[in-house]
Amino acid sequence: MNTIASNTPWNFMPHVKLNGLHISHVSYTLLHHFDDGWSPITPNDPIMVNVAKFAVTTHNFGRQTHLVFHNVVGGETKNDGGQNYKLVIAAKDGDDGNRIKKYEALVIDRPYQNSLELEYFNGPI
């Protein structure tokens, strides 16, 4: 039997009992999918870092900018036949005194085509 603490908002649930197993809020958050299919990421996950570095490098190449990747701030991922990564990225802007600024990028991984595509790179935000 699946039970959820009553009268408790989803985002503030301390634990869930699922088929007799207690799942902490942190674990539940990692399992929980938003209504639109997007799931939160772990910013220091090596996959997220590599995708973010790809986004910065691709943006630099296409726009002739000099951003230097700093870290992944946050984001979401969604699988719809390919893996979509909507990331908030911190990067130093070499053209603006090396100040760290935040940017938003959408990268799509299409493993069946063996390709990563930068759909957009916005910012600073």
PDB file of N, CA and C in Angstrom:
ATOM      1  N   MET A   1       0.830  -1.180   0.000  1.00  0.00           N
ATOM      2  CA  MET A   1       0.000   0.000   0.000  1.00  0.00           C
ATOM      3  C   MET A   1       0.877   1.247   0.000  1.00  0.00           C
ATOM      4  N   ASN A   2       0.584   2.179  -0.886  1.00  0.00           N
ATOM      5  CA  ASN A   2       1.312   3.439  -0.961  1.00  0.00           C
ATOM      6  C   ASN A   2       0.619   4.461  -0.078  1.00  0.00           C
ATOM      7  N   THR A   3       1.370   5.123   0.789  1.00  0.00           N
ATOM      8  CA  THR A   3       0.786   6.150   1.633  1.00  0.00           C
ATOM      9  C   THR A   3       1.625   7.405   1.565  1.00  0.00           C
ATOM     10  N   ILE A   4       0.964   8.504   1.696  1.00  0.00           N
ATOM     11  CA  ILE A   4       1.629   9.796   1.710  1.00  0.00           C
ATOM     12  C   ILE A   4       1.084  10.551   2.908  1.00  0.00           C
ATOM     13  N   ALA A   5       1.958  11.239   3.623  1.00  0.00           N
ATOM     14  CA  ALA A   5       1.517  12.003   4.783  1.00  0.00           C
ATOM     15  C   ALA A   5       0.414  12.962   4.361  1.00  0.00           C
ATOM     16  N   SER A   6      -0.714  12.908   5.025  1.00  0.00           N
ATOM     17  CA  SER A   6      -1.859  13.725   4.621  1.00  0.00           C
ATOM     18  C   SER A   6      -1.643  15.186   4.971  1.00  0.00           C
ATOM     19  N   ASN A   7      -2.332  16.062   4.236  1.00  0.00           N
ATOM     20  CA  ASN A   7      -2.285  17.508   4.453  1.00  0.00           C
ATOM     21  C   ASN A   7      -0.869  18.077   4.399  1.00  0.00           C
ATOM     22  N   THR A   8       0.010  17.452   3.666  1.00  0.00           N
ATOM     23  CA  THR A   8       1.379  17.928   3.540  1.00  0.00           C
ATOM     24  C   THR A   8       1.654  18.228   2.079  1.00  0.00           C
ATOM     25  N   PRO A   9       2.101  19.454   1.753  1.00  0.00           N
ATOM     26  CA  PRO A   9       2.420  19.760   0.352  1.00  0.00           C
ATOM     27  C   PRO A   9       3.530  18.849  -0.157  1.00  0.00           C
ATOM     28  N   TRP A  10       3.463  18.496  -1.428  1.00  0.00           N
ATOM     29  CA  TRP A  10       4.445  17.602  -2.043  1.00  0.00           C
ATOM     30  C   TRP A  10       5.873  18.066  -1.823  1.00  0.00           C
ATOM     31  N   ASN A  11       6.129  19.341  -2.008  1.00  0.00           N
ATOM     32  CA  ASN A  11       7.500  19.841  -1.938  1.00  0.00           C
ATOM     33  C   ASN A  11       8.061  19.902  -0.526  1.00  0.00           C
ATOM     34  N   PHE A  12       7.228  19.756   0.479  1.00  0.00           N
ATOM     35  CA  PHE A  12       7.694  19.876   1.848  1.00  0.00           C
ATOM     36  C   PHE A  12       7.502  18.590   2.636  1.00  0.00           C
ATOM     37  N   MET A  13       7.257  17.496   1.937  1.00  0.00           N
ATOM     38  CA  MET A  13       7.029  16.231   2.596  1.00  0.00           C
ATOM     39  C   MET A  13       8.301  15.704   3.226  1.00  0.00           C
ATOM     40  N   PRO A  14       8.305  15.396   4.525  1.00  0.00           N
ATOM     41  CA  PRO A  14       9.521  14.886   5.149  1.00  0.00           C
ATOM     42  C   PRO A  14       9.843  13.465   4.716  1.00  0.00           C
ATOM     43  N   HIS A  15       8.832  12.651   4.438  1.00  0.00           N
ATOM     44  CA  HIS A  15       9.072  11.290   3.977  1.00  0.00           C
ATOM     45  C   HIS A  15       7.806  10.725   3.357  1.00  0.00           C
ATOM     46  N   VAL A  16       7.977   9.683   2.574  1.00  0.00           N
ATOM     47  CA  VAL A  16       6.871   8.975   1.942  1.00  0.00           C
ATOM     48  C   VAL A  16       7.047   7.508   2.263  1.00  0.00           C
ATOM     49  N   LYS A  17       5.951   6.825   2.501  1.00  0.00           N
ATOM     50  CA  LYS A  17       6.014   5.387   2.699  1.00  0.00           C
ATOM     51  C   LYS A  17       5.467   4.742   1.431  1.00  0.00           C
ATOM     52  N   LEU A  18       6.323   4.031   0.731  1.00  0.00           N
ATOM     53  CA  LEU A  18       5.977   3.435  -0.547  1.00  0.00           C
ATOM     54  C   LEU A  18       6.205   1.936  -0.448  1.00  0.00           C
ATOM     55  N   ASN A  19       5.130   1.181  -0.492  1.00  0.00           N
ATOM     56  CA  ASN A  19       5.200  -0.270  -0.350  1.00  0.00           C
ATOM     57  C   ASN A  19       6.043  -0.683   0.858  1.00  0.00           C
ATOM     58  N   GLY A  20       5.839   0.026   1.964  1.00  0.00           N
ATOM     59  CA  GLY A  20       6.533  -0.324   3.193  1.00  0.00           C
ATOM     60  C   GLY A  20       7.912   0.281   3.337  1.00  0.00           C
ATOM     61  N   LEU A  21       8.427   0.963   2.299  1.00  0.00           N
ATOM     62  CA  LEU A  21       9.744   1.580   2.368  1.00  0.00           C
ATOM     63  C   LEU A  21       9.588   3.061   2.651  1.00  0.00           C
ATOM     64  N   HIS A  22      10.384   3.587   3.534  1.00  0.00           N
ATOM     65  CA  HIS A  22      10.366   5.019   3.811  1.00  0.00           C
ATOM     66  C   HIS A  22      11.368   5.698   2.892  1.00  0.00           C
ATOM     67  N   ILE A  23      10.909   6.721   2.202  1.00  0.00           N
ATOM     68  CA  ILE A  23      11.754   7.474   1.283  1.00  0.00           C
ATOM     69  C   ILE A  23      11.848   8.883   1.830  1.00  0.00           C
ATOM     70  N   SER A  24      13.058   9.376   2.015  1.00  0.00           N
ATOM     71  CA  SER A  24      13.245  10.725   2.542  1.00  0.00           C
ATOM     72  C   SER A  24      12.822  11.752   1.503  1.00  0.00           C
ATOM     73  N   HIS A  25      12.655  12.990   1.948  1.00  0.00           N
ATOM     74  CA  HIS A  25      12.289  14.079   1.043  1.00  0.00           C
ATOM     75  C   HIS A  25      13.315  14.228  -0.080  1.00  0.00           C
ATOM     76  N   VAL A  26      14.605  14.124   0.241  1.00  0.00           N
ATOM     77  CA  VAL A  26      15.650  14.272  -0.780  1.00  0.00           C
ATOM     78  C   VAL A  26      15.525  13.170  -1.816  1.00  0.00           C
ATOM     79  N   SER A  27      15.373  11.925  -1.357  1.00  0.00           N
ATOM     80  CA  SER A  27      15.227  10.809  -2.292  1.00  0.00           C
ATOM     81  C   SER A  27      13.966  10.978  -3.120  1.00  0.00           C
ATOM     82  N   TYR A  28      12.885  11.391  -2.486  1.00  0.00           N
ATOM     83  CA  TYR A  28      11.627  11.561  -3.200  1.00  0.00           C
ATOM     84  C   TYR A  28      11.761  12.628  -4.274  1.00  0.00           C
ATOM     85  N   THR A  29      12.455  13.722  -3.949  1.00  0.00           N
ATOM     86  CA  THR A  29      12.637  14.788  -4.915  1.00  0.00           C
ATOM     87  C   THR A  29      13.362  14.270  -6.147  1.00  0.00           C
ATOM     88  N   LEU A  30      14.338  13.393  -5.950  1.00  0.00           N
ATOM     89  CA  LEU A  30      15.062  12.838  -7.092  1.00  0.00           C
ATOM     90  C   LEU A  30      14.176  11.923  -7.930  1.00  0.00           C
ATOM     91  N   LEU A  31      13.186  11.292  -7.303  1.00  0.00           N
ATOM     92  CA  LEU A  31      12.294  10.393  -8.023  1.00  0.00           C
ATOM     93  C   LEU A  31      11.112  11.134  -8.635  1.00  0.00           C
ATOM     94  N   HIS A  32      10.740  12.264  -8.051  1.00  0.00           N
ATOM     95  CA  HIS A  32       9.544  12.997  -8.443  1.00  0.00           C
ATOM     96  C   HIS A  32       9.736  13.691  -9.781  1.00  0.00           C
ATOM     97  N   HIS A  33       8.744  13.586 -10.648  1.00  0.00           N
ATOM     98  CA  HIS A  33       8.754  14.287 -11.929  1.00  0.00           C
ATOM     99  C   HIS A  33       7.720  15.393 -11.865  1.00  0.00           C
ATOM    100  N   PHE A  34       8.061  16.553 -12.402  1.00  0.00           N
ATOM    101  CA  PHE A  34       7.094  17.632 -12.465  1.00  0.00           C
ATOM    102  C   PHE A  34       5.999  17.247 -13.447  1.00  0.00           C
ATOM    103  N   ASP A  35       4.868  17.923 -13.382  1.00  0.00           N
ATOM    104  CA  ASP A  35       3.722  17.599 -14.225  1.00  0.00           C
ATOM    105  C   ASP A  35       4.057  17.649 -15.702  1.00  0.00           C
ATOM    106  N   ASP A  36       4.988  18.504 -16.112  1.00  0.00           N
ATOM    107  CA  ASP A  36       5.323  18.630 -17.529  1.00  0.00           C
ATOM    108  C   ASP A  36       6.422  17.671 -17.971  1.00  0.00           C
ATOM    109  N   GLY A  37       6.817  16.744 -17.103  1.00  0.00           N
ATOM    110  CA  GLY A  37       7.804  15.736 -17.467  1.00  0.00           C
ATOM    111  C   GLY A  37       9.238  16.104 -17.146  1.00  0.00           C
ATOM    112  N   TRP A  38       9.485  17.327 -16.700  1.00  0.00           N
ATOM    113  CA  TRP A  38      10.833  17.750 -16.352  1.00  0.00           C
ATOM    114  C   TRP A  38      11.161  17.308 -14.936  1.00  0.00           C
ATOM    115  N   SER A  39      12.388  16.856 -14.718  1.00  0.00           N
ATOM    116  CA  SER A  39      12.865  16.424 -13.402  1.00  0.00           C
ATOM    117  C   SER A  39      14.077  17.253 -13.006  1.00  0.00           C
ATOM    118  N   PRO A  40      14.223  17.552 -11.713  1.00  0.00           N
ATOM    119  CA  PRO A  40      15.393  18.326 -11.285  1.00  0.00           C
ATOM    120  C   PRO A  40      16.682  17.545 -11.480  1.00  0.00           C
ATOM    121  N   ILE A  41      17.764  18.263 -11.677  1.00  0.00           N
ATOM    122  CA  ILE A  41      19.070  17.626 -11.863  1.00  0.00           C
ATOM    123  C   ILE A  41      19.913  17.776 -10.603  1.00  0.00           C
ATOM    124  N   THR A  42      21.003  17.048 -10.552  1.00  0.00           N
ATOM    125  CA  THR A  42      22.033  17.238  -9.538  1.00  0.00           C
ATOM    126  C   THR A  42      23.142  18.037 -10.215  1.00  0.00           C
ATOM    127  N   PRO A  43      23.329  19.306  -9.799  1.00  0.00           N
ATOM    128  CA  PRO A  43      24.250  20.184 -10.538  1.00  0.00           C
ATOM    129  C   PRO A  43      25.675  19.673 -10.691  1.00  0.00           C
ATOM    130  N   ASN A  44      26.211  18.938  -9.705  1.00  0.00           N
ATOM    131  CA  ASN A  44      27.606  18.492  -9.822  1.00  0.00           C
ATOM    132  C   ASN A  44      27.735  17.116 -10.471  1.00  0.00           C
ATOM    133  N   ASP A  45      26.651  16.579 -11.005  1.00  0.00           N
ATOM    134  CA  ASP A  45      26.689  15.314 -11.745  1.00  0.00           C
ATOM    135  C   ASP A  45      27.610  15.500 -12.952  1.00  0.00           C
ATOM    136  N   PRO A  46      28.575  14.598 -13.155  1.00  0.00           N
ATOM    137  CA  PRO A  46      29.517  14.753 -14.284  1.00  0.00           C
ATOM    138  C   PRO A  46      28.832  14.868 -15.642  1.00  0.00           C
ATOM    139  N   ILE A  47      27.703  14.229 -15.825  1.00  0.00           N
ATOM    140  CA  ILE A  47      26.981  14.348 -17.102  1.00  0.00           C
ATOM    141  C   ILE A  47      26.487  15.781 -17.285  1.00  0.00           C
ATOM    142  N   MET A  48      25.921  16.365 -16.220  1.00  0.00           N
ATOM    143  CA  MET A  48      25.421  17.741 -16.307  1.00  0.00           C
ATOM    144  C   MET A  48      26.569  18.718 -16.571  1.00  0.00           C
ATOM    145  N   VAL A  49      27.697  18.495 -15.921  1.00  0.00           N
ATOM    146  CA  VAL A  49      28.869  19.349 -16.119  1.00  0.00           C
ATOM    147  C   VAL A  49      29.339  19.255 -17.569  1.00  0.00           C
ATOM    148  N   ASN A  50      29.408  18.062 -18.121  1.00  0.00           N
ATOM    149  CA  ASN A  50      29.842  17.893 -19.516  1.00  0.00           C
ATOM    150  C   ASN A  50      28.871  18.537 -20.493  1.00  0.00           C
ATOM    151  N   VAL A  51      27.569  18.388 -20.237  1.00  0.00           N
ATOM    152  CA  VAL A  51      26.569  19.011 -21.114  1.00  0.00           C
ATOM    153  C   VAL A  51      26.687  20.529 -21.040  1.00  0.00           C
ATOM    154  N   ALA A  52      26.880  21.062 -19.838  1.00  0.00           N
ATOM    155  CA  ALA A  52      27.026  22.508 -19.672  1.00  0.00           C
ATOM    156  C   ALA A  52      28.284  23.021 -20.370  1.00  0.00           C
ATOM    157  N   LYS A  53      29.387  22.299 -20.249  1.00  0.00           N
ATOM    158  CA  LYS A  53      30.624  22.699 -20.934  1.00  0.00           C
ATOM    159  C   LYS A  53      30.423  22.691 -22.443  1.00  0.00           C
ATOM    160  N   PHE A  54      29.696  21.691 -22.947  1.00  0.00           N
ATOM    161  CA  PHE A  54      29.370  21.644 -24.369  1.00  0.00           C
ATOM    162  C   PHE A  54      28.583  22.891 -24.770  1.00  0.00           C
ATOM    163  N   ALA A  55      27.600  23.274 -23.944  1.00  0.00           N
ATOM    164  CA  ALA A  55      26.774  24.449 -24.249  1.00  0.00           C
ATOM    165  C   ALA A  55      27.616  25.714 -24.315  1.00  0.00           C
ATOM    166  N   VAL A  56      28.508  25.908 -23.355  1.00  0.00           N
ATOM    167  CA  VAL A  56      29.357  27.102 -23.322  1.00  0.00           C
ATOM    168  C   VAL A  56      30.288  27.119 -24.535  1.00  0.00           C
ATOM    169  N   THR A  57      30.930  26.003 -24.817  1.00  0.00           N
ATOM    170  CA  THR A  57      31.857  25.918 -25.951  1.00  0.00           C
ATOM    171  C   THR A  57      31.139  26.174 -27.273  1.00  0.00           C
ATOM    172  N   THR A  58      29.976  25.574 -27.435  1.00  0.00           N
ATOM    173  CA  THR A  58      29.205  25.749 -28.670  1.00  0.00           C
ATOM    174  C   THR A  58      28.750  27.199 -28.816  1.00  0.00           C
ATOM    175  N   HIS A  59      28.288  27.784 -27.715  1.00  0.00           N
ATOM    176  CA  HIS A  59      27.875  29.194 -27.740  1.00  0.00           C
ATOM    177  C   HIS A  59      29.062  30.093 -28.116  1.00  0.00           C
ATOM    178  N   ASN A  60      30.219  29.853 -27.500  1.00  0.00           N
ATOM    179  CA  ASN A  60      31.412  30.644 -27.810  1.00  0.00           C
ATOM    180  C   ASN A  60      31.765  30.552 -29.285  1.00  0.00           C
ATOM    181  N   PHE A  61      31.717  29.361 -29.825  1.00  0.00           N
ATOM    182  CA  PHE A  61      32.073  29.152 -31.230  1.00  0.00           C
ATOM    183  C   PHE A  61      31.106  29.878 -32.157  1.00  0.00           C
ATOM    184  N   GLY A  62      29.812  29.755 -31.874  1.00  0.00           N
ATOM    185  CA  GLY A  62      28.800  30.348 -32.751  1.00  0.00           C
ATOM    186  C   GLY A  62      28.680  31.853 -32.635  1.00  0.00           C
ATOM    187  N   ARG A  63      28.960  32.397 -31.460  1.00  0.00           N
ATOM    188  CA  ARG A  63      28.769  33.837 -31.222  1.00  0.00           C
ATOM    189  C   ARG A  63      30.072  34.608 -31.057  1.00  0.00           C
ATOM    190  N   GLN A  64      31.196  33.904 -31.176  1.00  0.00           N
ATOM    191  CA  GLN A  64      32.509  34.545 -31.018  1.00  0.00           C
ATOM    192  C   GLN A  64      32.619  35.260 -29.659  1.00  0.00           C
ATOM    193  N   THR A  65      32.168  34.573 -28.607  1.00  0.00           N
ATOM    194  CA  THR A  65      32.271  35.099 -27.246  1.00  0.00           C
ATOM    195  C   THR A  65      33.404  34.378 -26.525  1.00  0.00           C
ATOM    196  N   HIS A  66      33.679  34.811 -25.304  1.00  0.00           N
ATOM    197  CA  HIS A  66      34.796  34.249 -24.544  1.00  0.00           C
ATOM    198  C   HIS A  66      34.363  33.822 -23.148  1.00  0.00           C
ATOM    199  N   LEU A  67      33.232  33.121 -23.077  1.00  0.00           N
ATOM    200  CA  LEU A  67      32.765  32.629 -21.778  1.00  0.00           C
ATOM    201  C   LEU A  67      33.629  31.460 -21.336  1.00  0.00           C
ATOM    202  N   VAL A  68      33.858  31.377 -20.022  1.00  0.00           N
ATOM    203  CA  VAL A  68      34.610  30.272 -19.442  1.00  0.00           C
ATOM    204  C   VAL A  68      33.710  29.600 -18.417  1.00  0.00           C
ATOM    205  N   PHE A  69      33.438  28.329 -18.627  1.00  0.00           N
ATOM    206  CA  PHE A  69      32.558  27.578 -17.726  1.00  0.00           C
ATOM    207  C   PHE A  69      33.057  27.669 -16.291  1.00  0.00           C
ATOM    208  N   HIS A  70      32.126  27.900 -15.360  1.00  0.00           N
ATOM    209  CA  HIS A  70      32.455  27.911 -13.931  1.00  0.00           C
ATOM    210  C   HIS A  70      31.784  26.738 -13.225  1.00  0.00           C
ATOM    211  N   ASN A  71      30.448  26.631 -13.299  1.00  0.00           N
ATOM    212  CA  ASN A  71      29.739  25.505 -12.704  1.00  0.00           C
ATOM    213  C   ASN A  71      28.286  25.475 -13.174  1.00  0.00           C
ATOM    214  N   VAL A  72      27.623  24.351 -12.884  1.00  0.00           N
ATOM    215  CA  VAL A  72      26.195  24.223 -13.143  1.00  0.00           C
ATOM    216  C   VAL A  72      25.480  24.664 -11.873  1.00  0.00           C
ATOM    217  N   VAL A  73      24.567  25.627 -12.016  1.00  0.00           N
ATOM    218  CA  VAL A  73      23.833  26.162 -10.878  1.00  0.00           C
ATOM    219  C   VAL A  73      22.609  25.301 -10.580  1.00  0.00           C
ATOM    220  N   GLY A  74      21.928  24.852 -11.619  1.00  0.00           N
ATOM    221  CA  GLY A  74      20.722  24.044 -11.461  1.00  0.00           C
ATOM    222  C   GLY A  74      20.156  23.712 -12.817  1.00  0.00           C
ATOM    223  N   GLY A  75      18.965  23.122 -12.798  1.00  0.00           N
ATOM    224  CA  GLY A  75      18.321  22.803 -14.065  1.00  0.00           C
ATOM    225  C   GLY A  75      17.371  21.640 -13.959  1.00  0.00           C
ATOM    226  N   GLU A  76      16.928  21.217 -15.126  1.00  0.00           N
ATOM    227  CA  GLU A  76      15.968  20.126 -15.237  1.00  0.00           C
ATOM    228  C   GLU A  76      16.338  19.268 -16.437  1.00  0.00           C
ATOM    229  N   THR A  77      15.826  18.052 -16.424  1.00  0.00           N
ATOM    230  CA  THR A  77      16.030  17.153 -17.558  1.00  0.00           C
ATOM    231  C   THR A  77      14.715  16.465 -17.889  1.00  0.00           C
ATOM    232  N   LYS A  78      14.578  16.092 -19.140  1.00  0.00           N
ATOM    233  CA  LYS A  78      13.348  15.457 -19.615  1.00  0.00           C
ATOM    234  C   LYS A  78      13.708  14.490 -20.738  1.00  0.00           C
ATOM    235  N   ASN A  79      13.111  13.316 -20.696  1.00  0.00           N
ATOM    236  CA  ASN A  79      13.332  12.327 -21.749  1.00  0.00           C
ATOM    237  C   ASN A  79      12.090  12.265 -22.620  1.00  0.00           C
ATOM    238  N   ASP A  80      12.261  12.569 -23.898  1.00  0.00           N
ATOM    239  CA  ASP A  80      11.151  12.478 -24.853  1.00  0.00           C
ATOM    240  C   ASP A  80      11.644  11.868 -26.168  1.00  0.00           C
ATOM    241  N   GLY A  81      12.339  10.760 -26.046  1.00  0.00           N
ATOM    242  CA  GLY A  81      12.945  10.125 -27.200  1.00  0.00           C
ATOM    243  C   GLY A  81      14.416  10.472 -27.305  1.00  0.00           C
ATOM    244  N   GLY A  82      14.776  11.598 -26.760  1.00  0.00           N
ATOM    245  CA  GLY A  82      16.139  12.055 -26.570  1.00  0.00           C
ATOM    246  C   GLY A  82      16.168  12.664 -25.190  1.00  0.00           C
ATOM    247  N   GLN A  83      17.320  13.030 -24.718  1.00  0.00           N
ATOM    248  CA  GLN A  83      17.409  13.630 -23.386  1.00  0.00           C
ATOM    249  C   GLN A  83      17.542  15.138 -23.533  1.00  0.00           C
ATOM    250  N   ASN A  84      16.638  15.879 -22.925  1.00  0.00           N
ATOM    251  CA  ASN A  84      16.677  17.341 -22.940  1.00  0.00           C
ATOM    252  C   ASN A  84      17.261  17.830 -21.631  1.00  0.00           C
ATOM    253  N   TYR A  85      18.159  18.787 -21.711  1.00  0.00           N
ATOM    254  CA  TYR A  85      18.792  19.368 -20.531  1.00  0.00           C
ATOM    255  C   TYR A  85      18.541  20.872 -20.552  1.00  0.00           C
ATOM    256  N   LYS A  86      17.777  21.362 -19.600  1.00  0.00           N
ATOM    257  CA  LYS A  86      17.555  22.795 -19.429  1.00  0.00           C
ATOM    258  C   LYS A  86      18.392  23.201 -18.217  1.00  0.00           C
ATOM    259  N   LEU A  87      19.486  23.912 -18.469  1.00  0.00           N
ATOM    260  CA  LEU A  87      20.467  24.173 -17.423  1.00  0.00           C
ATOM    261  C   LEU A  87      20.656  25.664 -17.156  1.00  0.00           C
ATOM    262  N   VAL A  88      20.935  25.981 -15.894  1.00  0.00           N
ATOM    263  CA  VAL A  88      21.408  27.304 -15.524  1.00  0.00           C
ATOM    264  C   VAL A  88      22.898  27.136 -15.257  1.00  0.00           C
ATOM    265  N   ILE A  89      23.695  27.888 -15.997  1.00  0.00           N
ATOM    266  CA  ILE A  89      25.145  27.728 -15.998  1.00  0.00           C
ATOM    267  C   ILE A  89      25.801  29.025 -15.524  1.00  0.00           C
ATOM    268  N   ALA A  90      26.771  28.901 -14.643  1.00  0.00           N
ATOM    269  CA  ALA A  90      27.582  30.055 -14.246  1.00  0.00           C
ATOM    270  C   ALA A  90      28.853  30.018 -15.083  1.00  0.00           C
ATOM    271  N   ALA A  91      29.183  31.174 -15.676  1.00  0.00           N
ATOM    272  CA  ALA A  91      30.376  31.261 -16.517  1.00  0.00           C
ATOM    273  C   ALA A  91      31.003  32.636 -16.355  1.00  0.00           C
ATOM    274  N   LYS A  92      32.317  32.669 -16.490  1.00  0.00           N
ATOM    275  CA  LYS A  92      33.040  33.940 -16.469  1.00  0.00           C
ATOM    276  C   LYS A  92      32.984  34.526 -17.864  1.00  0.00           C
ATOM    277  N   ASP A  93      32.760  35.826 -17.920  1.00  0.00           N
ATOM    278  CA  ASP A  93      32.721  36.522 -19.195  1.00  0.00           C
ATOM    279  C   ASP A  93      34.048  37.239 -19.394  1.00  0.00           C
ATOM    280  N   GLY A  94      34.912  36.650 -20.202  1.00  0.00           N
ATOM    281  CA  GLY A  94      36.231  37.226 -20.446  1.00  0.00           C
ATOM    282  C   GLY A  94      36.187  38.602 -21.075  1.00  0.00           C
ATOM    283  N   ASP A  95      35.071  38.957 -21.728  1.00  0.00           N
ATOM    284  CA  ASP A  95      34.931  40.275 -22.346  1.00  0.00           C
ATOM    285  C   ASP A  95      34.416  41.310 -21.354  1.00  0.00           C
ATOM    286  N   ASP A  96      34.085  40.882 -20.132  1.00  0.00           N
ATOM    287  CA  ASP A  96      33.502  41.790 -19.144  1.00  0.00           C
ATOM    288  C   ASP A  96      34.210  41.648 -17.796  1.00  0.00           C
ATOM    289  N   GLY A  97      35.528  41.666 -17.819  1.00  0.00           N
ATOM    290  CA  GLY A  97      36.298  41.643 -16.589  1.00  0.00           C
ATOM    291  C   GLY A  97      36.247  40.337 -15.820  1.00  0.00           C
ATOM    292  N   ASN A  98      35.970  39.238 -16.492  1.00  0.00           N
ATOM    293  CA  ASN A  98      35.926  37.908 -15.870  1.00  0.00           C
ATOM    294  C   ASN A  98      34.905  37.782 -14.740  1.00  0.00           C
ATOM    295  N   ARG A  99      33.859  38.596 -14.764  1.00  0.00           N
ATOM    296  CA  ARG A  99      32.796  38.457 -13.769  1.00  0.00           C
ATOM    297  C   ARG A  99      31.987  37.198 -14.056  1.00  0.00           C
ATOM    298  N   ILE A 100      31.584  36.501 -12.989  1.00  0.00           N
ATOM    299  CA  ILE A 100      30.753  35.300 -13.159  1.00  0.00           C
ATOM    300  C   ILE A 100      29.305  35.733 -13.310  1.00  0.00           C
ATOM    301  N   LYS A 101      28.687  35.240 -14.366  1.00  0.00           N
ATOM    302  CA  LYS A 101      27.277  35.533 -14.658  1.00  0.00           C
ATOM    303  C   LYS A 101      26.555  34.217 -14.917  1.00  0.00           C
ATOM    304  N   LYS A 102      25.227  34.259 -14.815  1.00  0.00           N
ATOM    305  CA  LYS A 102      24.409  33.065 -15.046  1.00  0.00           C
ATOM    306  C   LYS A 102      23.772  33.123 -16.424  1.00  0.00           C
ATOM    307  N   TYR A 103      23.704  31.951 -17.044  1.00  0.00           N
ATOM    308  CA  TYR A 103      23.121  31.800 -18.364  1.00  0.00           C
ATOM    309  C   TYR A 103      22.185  30.603 -18.352  1.00  0.00           C
ATOM    310  N   GLU A 104      21.209  30.607 -19.246  1.00  0.00           N
ATOM    311  CA  GLU A 104      20.289  29.480 -19.367  1.00  0.00           C
ATOM    312  C   GLU A 104      20.479  28.843 -20.738  1.00  0.00           C
ATOM    313  N   ALA A 105      20.578  27.526 -20.740  1.00  0.00           N
ATOM    314  CA  ALA A 105      20.795  26.811 -22.000  1.00  0.00           C
ATOM    315  C   ALA A 105      19.865  25.605 -22.081  1.00  0.00           C
ATOM    316  N   LEU A 106      19.483  25.268 -23.306  1.00  0.00           N
ATOM    317  CA  LEU A 106      18.747  24.034 -23.575  1.00  0.00           C
ATOM    318  C   LEU A 106      19.579  23.212 -24.548  1.00  0.00           C
ATOM    319  N   VAL A 107      19.970  22.021 -24.100  1.00  0.00           N
ATOM    320  CA  VAL A 107      20.761  21.102 -24.929  1.00  0.00           C
ATOM    321  C   VAL A 107      19.946  19.833 -25.103  1.00  0.00           C
ATOM    322  N   ILE A 108      19.918  19.327 -26.320  1.00  0.00           N
ATOM    323  CA  ILE A 108      19.194  18.092 -26.609  1.00  0.00           C
ATOM    324  C   ILE A 108      20.187  17.030 -27.048  1.00  0.00           C
ATOM    325  N   ASP A 109      20.137  15.899 -26.357  1.00  0.00           N
ATOM    326  CA  ASP A 109      20.976  14.737 -26.676  1.00  0.00           C
ATOM    327  C   ASP A 109      20.108  13.747 -27.432  1.00  0.00           C
ATOM    328  N   ARG A 110      20.498  13.487 -28.659  1.00  0.00           N
ATOM    329  CA  ARG A 110      19.776  12.516 -29.483  1.00  0.00           C
ATOM    330  C   ARG A 110      20.714  11.332 -29.729  1.00  0.00           C
ATOM    331  N   PRO A 111      20.723  10.370 -28.793  1.00  0.00           N
ATOM    332  CA  PRO A 111      21.675   9.266 -28.910  1.00  0.00           C
ATOM    333  C   PRO A 111      21.479   8.435 -30.171  1.00  0.00           C
ATOM    334  N   TYR A 112      20.259   8.359 -30.667  1.00  0.00           N
ATOM    335  CA  TYR A 112      19.992   7.598 -31.892  1.00  0.00           C
ATOM    336  C   TYR A 112      20.601   8.272 -33.117  1.00  0.00           C
ATOM    337  N   GLN A 113      20.946   9.563 -33.003  1.00  0.00           N
ATOM    338  CA  GLN A 113      21.632  10.286 -34.071  1.00  0.00           C
ATOM    339  C   GLN A 113      23.076  10.595 -33.690  1.00  0.00           C
ATOM    340  N   ASN A 114      23.474  10.136 -32.494  1.00  0.00           N
ATOM    341  CA  ASN A 114      24.821  10.373 -31.981  1.00  0.00           C
ATOM    342  C   ASN A 114      25.165  11.866 -32.022  1.00  0.00           C
ATOM    343  N   SER A 115      24.229  12.697 -31.458  1.00  0.00           N
ATOM    344  CA  SER A 115      24.463  14.135 -31.531  1.00  0.00           C
ATOM    345  C   SER A 115      23.953  14.864 -30.293  1.00  0.00           C
ATOM    346  N   LEU A 116      24.629  15.947 -29.968  1.00  0.00           N
ATOM    347  CA  LEU A 116      24.180  16.927 -28.988  1.00  0.00           C
ATOM    348  C   LEU A 116      23.895  18.200 -29.768  1.00  0.00           C
ATOM    349  N   GLU A 117      22.798  18.880 -29.435  1.00  0.00           N
ATOM    350  CA  GLU A 117      22.455  20.122 -30.110  1.00  0.00           C
ATOM    351  C   GLU A 117      22.144  21.187 -29.079  1.00  0.00           C
ATOM    352  N   LEU A 118      22.727  22.363 -29.268  1.00  0.00           N
ATOM    353  CA  LEU A 118      22.399  23.507 -28.431  1.00  0.00           C
ATOM    354  C   LEU A 118      21.206  24.207 -29.058  1.00  0.00           C
ATOM    355  N   GLU A 119      20.060  24.133 -28.387  1.00  0.00           N
ATOM    356  CA  GLU A 119      18.842  24.761 -28.918  1.00  0.00           C
ATOM    357  C   GLU A 119      18.837  26.258 -28.630  1.00  0.00           C
ATOM    358  N   TYR A 120      19.231  26.635 -27.415  1.00  0.00           N
ATOM    359  CA  TYR A 120      19.372  28.055 -27.117  1.00  0.00           C
ATOM    360  C   TYR A 120      20.352  28.255 -25.964  1.00  0.00           C
ATOM    361  N   PHE A 121      20.884  29.466 -25.907  1.00  0.00           N
ATOM    362  CA  PHE A 121      21.796  29.873 -24.843  1.00  0.00           C
ATOM    363  C   PHE A 121      21.490  31.332 -24.574  1.00  0.00           C
ATOM    364  N   ASN A 122      20.826  31.621 -23.449  1.00  0.00           N
ATOM    365  CA  ASN A 122      20.358  32.967 -23.137  1.00  0.00           C
ATOM    366  C   ASN A 122      21.091  33.536 -21.936  1.00  0.00           C
ATOM    367  N   GLY A 123      21.258  34.834 -21.968  1.00  0.00           N
ATOM    368  CA  GLY A 123      21.806  35.472 -20.793  1.00  0.00           C
ATOM    369  C   GLY A 123      22.796  36.549 -21.137  1.00  0.00           C
ATOM    370  N   PRO A 124      23.314  37.139 -20.079  1.00  0.00           N
ATOM    371  CA  PRO A 124      23.150  36.703 -18.695  1.00  0.00           C
ATOM    372  C   PRO A 124      21.720  36.910 -18.210  1.00  0.00           C
ATOM    373  N   ILE A 125      21.338  36.045 -17.285  1.00  0.00           N
ATOM    374  CA  ILE A 125      19.975  36.115 -16.738  1.00  0.00           C
ATOM    375  C   ILE A 125      20.012  36.707 -15.350  1.00  0.00           C
TER     376      ILE A 125
END
